[in-house]
Amino acid sequence: MTDILIYFFICTTIIFVYSTINLMRKIENFEDIIDEQDSEYFNMKQKVRDALSEMRRIDSKEAFEKDDETGTVFSALLNIVEELDGNDD
């Protein structure tokens, strides 16, 4: 009777160890993916900011920014930057 219990506990321990190691690997994988996405997010945010500041530098007299057609591009970039800044949790 005790032999059966010992074998049962050994088998369940092996199963628990295997499942724990497997879950740890999956979590580490997900953490790597999240780190990559965070990096891409911040790079994209910086590129949009750089594009907006470069457009403002080129248009120092605000002739294009005040224009209807090109002003929408400025407004869209500004909205994107503001949305990205609002998502910095």
C-alpha atoms as a PDB file:
ATOM      1  CA  MET A   1       0.000   0.000   0.000  1.00  0.00           C
ATOM      2  CA  THR A   2       2.755   2.454   0.861  1.00  0.00           C
ATOM      3  CA  ASP A   3       4.564   1.566  -2.363  1.00  0.00           C
ATOM      4  CA  ILE A   4       1.532   2.600  -4.358  1.00  0.00           C
ATOM      5  CA  LEU A   5       1.347   5.909  -2.502  1.00  0.00           C
ATOM      6  CA  ILE A   6       5.037   6.553  -3.011  1.00  0.00           C
ATOM      7  CA  TYR A   7       4.758   5.878  -6.756  1.00  0.00           C
ATOM      8  CA  PHE A   8       1.674   8.076  -6.939  1.00  0.00           C
ATOM      9  CA  PHE A   9       3.438  10.986  -5.204  1.00  0.00           C
ATOM     10  CA  ILE A  10       6.522  10.572  -7.361  1.00  0.00           C
ATOM     11  CA  CYS A  11       4.404  10.630 -10.533  1.00  0.00           C
ATOM     12  CA  THR A  12       2.419  13.671  -9.446  1.00  0.00           C
ATOM     13  CA  THR A  13       5.616  15.462  -8.441  1.00  0.00           C
ATOM     14  CA  ILE A  14       7.138  14.781 -11.850  1.00  0.00           C
ATOM     15  CA  ILE A  15       3.972  16.045 -13.548  1.00  0.00           C
ATOM     16  CA  PHE A  16       3.939  19.207 -11.413  1.00  0.00           C
ATOM     17  CA  VAL A  17       7.611  19.905 -12.061  1.00  0.00           C
ATOM     18  CA  TYR A  18       7.153  19.431 -15.817  1.00  0.00           C
ATOM     19  CA  SER A  19       4.079  21.656 -15.952  1.00  0.00           C
ATOM     20  CA  THR A  20       5.778  24.351 -13.857  1.00  0.00           C
ATOM     21  CA  ILE A  21       8.841  24.405 -16.102  1.00  0.00           C
ATOM     22  CA  ASN A  22       6.622  24.484 -19.182  1.00  0.00           C
ATOM     23  CA  LEU A  23       4.602  27.418 -17.824  1.00  0.00           C
ATOM     24  CA  MET A  24       7.785  29.284 -16.860  1.00  0.00           C
ATOM     25  CA  ARG A  25       9.074  28.966 -20.420  1.00  0.00           C
ATOM     26  CA  LYS A  26       5.794  30.277 -21.826  1.00  0.00           C
ATOM     27  CA  ILE A  27       5.773  33.234 -19.437  1.00  0.00           C
ATOM     28  CA  GLU A  28       9.371  34.118 -20.327  1.00  0.00           C
ATOM     29  CA  ASN A  29       8.408  33.944 -24.001  1.00  0.00           C
ATOM     30  CA  PHE A  30       5.474  36.302 -23.431  1.00  0.00           C
ATOM     31  CA  GLU A  31       7.681  38.706 -21.467  1.00  0.00           C
ATOM     32  CA  ASP A  32      10.127  38.835 -24.383  1.00  0.00           C
ATOM     33  CA  ILE A  33       7.268  39.576 -26.784  1.00  0.00           C
ATOM     34  CA  ILE A  34       5.963  42.346 -24.512  1.00  0.00           C
ATOM     35  CA  ASP A  35       9.439  43.891 -24.263  1.00  0.00           C
ATOM     36  CA  GLU A  36       9.755  43.901 -28.057  1.00  0.00           C
ATOM     37  CA  GLN A  37       6.334  45.502 -28.473  1.00  0.00           C
ATOM     38  CA  ASP A  38       7.122  48.158 -25.877  1.00  0.00           C
ATOM     39  CA  SER A  39      10.337  48.977 -27.688  1.00  0.00           C
ATOM     40  CA  GLU A  40       8.541  49.213 -31.030  1.00  0.00           C
ATOM     41  CA  TYR A  41       5.825  51.385 -29.473  1.00  0.00           C
ATOM     42  CA  PHE A  42       8.296  53.886 -28.037  1.00  0.00           C
ATOM     43  CA  ASN A  43      10.294  53.940 -31.281  1.00  0.00           C
ATOM     44  CA  MET A  44       7.126  54.657 -33.279  1.00  0.00           C
ATOM     45  CA  LYS A  45       6.121  57.382 -30.835  1.00  0.00           C
ATOM     46  CA  GLN A  46       9.538  59.015 -31.123  1.00  0.00           C
ATOM     47  CA  LYS A  47       9.444  58.840 -34.931  1.00  0.00           C
ATOM     48  CA  VAL A  48       6.046  60.568 -35.019  1.00  0.00           C
ATOM     49  CA  ARG A  49       7.308  63.253 -32.628  1.00  0.00           C
ATOM     50  CA  ASP A  50      10.423  63.743 -34.749  1.00  0.00           C
ATOM     51  CA  ALA A  51       8.329  63.987 -37.912  1.00  0.00           C
ATOM     52  CA  LEU A  52       6.045  66.569 -36.333  1.00  0.00           C
ATOM     53  CA  SER A  53       8.933  68.680 -35.035  1.00  0.00           C
ATOM     54  CA  GLU A  54      10.719  68.435 -38.387  1.00  0.00           C
ATOM     55  CA  MET A  55       7.574  69.548 -40.203  1.00  0.00           C
ATOM     56  CA  ARG A  56       7.233  72.476 -37.792  1.00  0.00           C
ATOM     57  CA  ARG A  57      10.903  73.366 -38.285  1.00  0.00           C
ATOM     58  CA  ILE A  58      10.477  73.391 -42.054  1.00  0.00           C
ATOM     59  CA  ASP A  59       7.273  75.392 -41.750  1.00  0.00           C
ATOM     60  CA  SER A  60       8.669  78.035 -39.401  1.00  0.00           C
ATOM     61  CA  LYS A  61       6.221  80.672 -40.680  1.00  0.00           C
ATOM     62  CA  GLU A  62       3.274  78.321 -40.149  1.00  0.00           C
ATOM     63  CA  ALA A  63       2.139  78.876 -43.727  1.00  0.00           C
ATOM     64  CA  PHE A  64       1.473  75.200 -44.283  1.00  0.00           C
ATOM     65  CA  GLU A  65       0.213  74.420 -40.786  1.00  0.00           C
ATOM     66  CA  LYS A  66      -2.538  77.010 -41.174  1.00  0.00           C
ATOM     67  CA  ASP A  67      -3.440  75.732 -44.650  1.00  0.00           C
ATOM     68  CA  ASP A  68      -6.552  73.566 -44.900  1.00  0.00           C
ATOM     69  CA  GLU A  69      -5.073  70.567 -46.705  1.00  0.00           C
ATOM     70  CA  THR A  70      -1.618  70.364 -45.164  1.00  0.00           C
ATOM     71  CA  GLY A  71      -2.937  71.608 -41.845  1.00  0.00           C
ATOM     72  CA  THR A  72      -4.845  68.360 -41.524  1.00  0.00           C
ATOM     73  CA  VAL A  73      -1.546  66.470 -41.643  1.00  0.00           C
ATOM     74  CA  PHE A  74      -0.196  68.611 -38.817  1.00  0.00           C
ATOM     75  CA  SER A  75      -3.398  68.109 -36.845  1.00  0.00           C
ATOM     76  CA  ALA A  76      -3.371  64.360 -37.434  1.00  0.00           C
ATOM     77  CA  LEU A  77       0.253  64.039 -36.291  1.00  0.00           C
ATOM     78  CA  LEU A  78      -0.439  66.198 -33.254  1.00  0.00           C
ATOM     79  CA  ASN A  79      -3.458  64.039 -32.363  1.00  0.00           C
ATOM     80  CA  ILE A  80      -1.384  60.882 -32.718  1.00  0.00           C
ATOM     81  CA  VAL A  81       1.327  62.252 -30.440  1.00  0.00           C
ATOM     82  CA  GLU A  82      -1.256  63.316 -27.857  1.00  0.00           C
ATOM     83  CA  GLU A  83      -2.920  59.880 -27.964  1.00  0.00           C
ATOM     84  CA  LEU A  84       0.430  58.142 -27.601  1.00  0.00           C
ATOM     85  CA  ASP A  85       1.316  60.396 -24.663  1.00  0.00           C
ATOM     86  CA  GLY A  86      -2.016  59.584 -23.031  1.00  0.00           C
ATOM     87  CA  ASN A  87      -1.245  55.846 -23.222  1.00  0.00           C
ATOM     88  CA  ASP A  88       1.984  56.013 -21.179  1.00  0.00           C
ATOM     89  CA  ASP A  89       0.771  53.819 -18.344  1.00  0.00           C
END
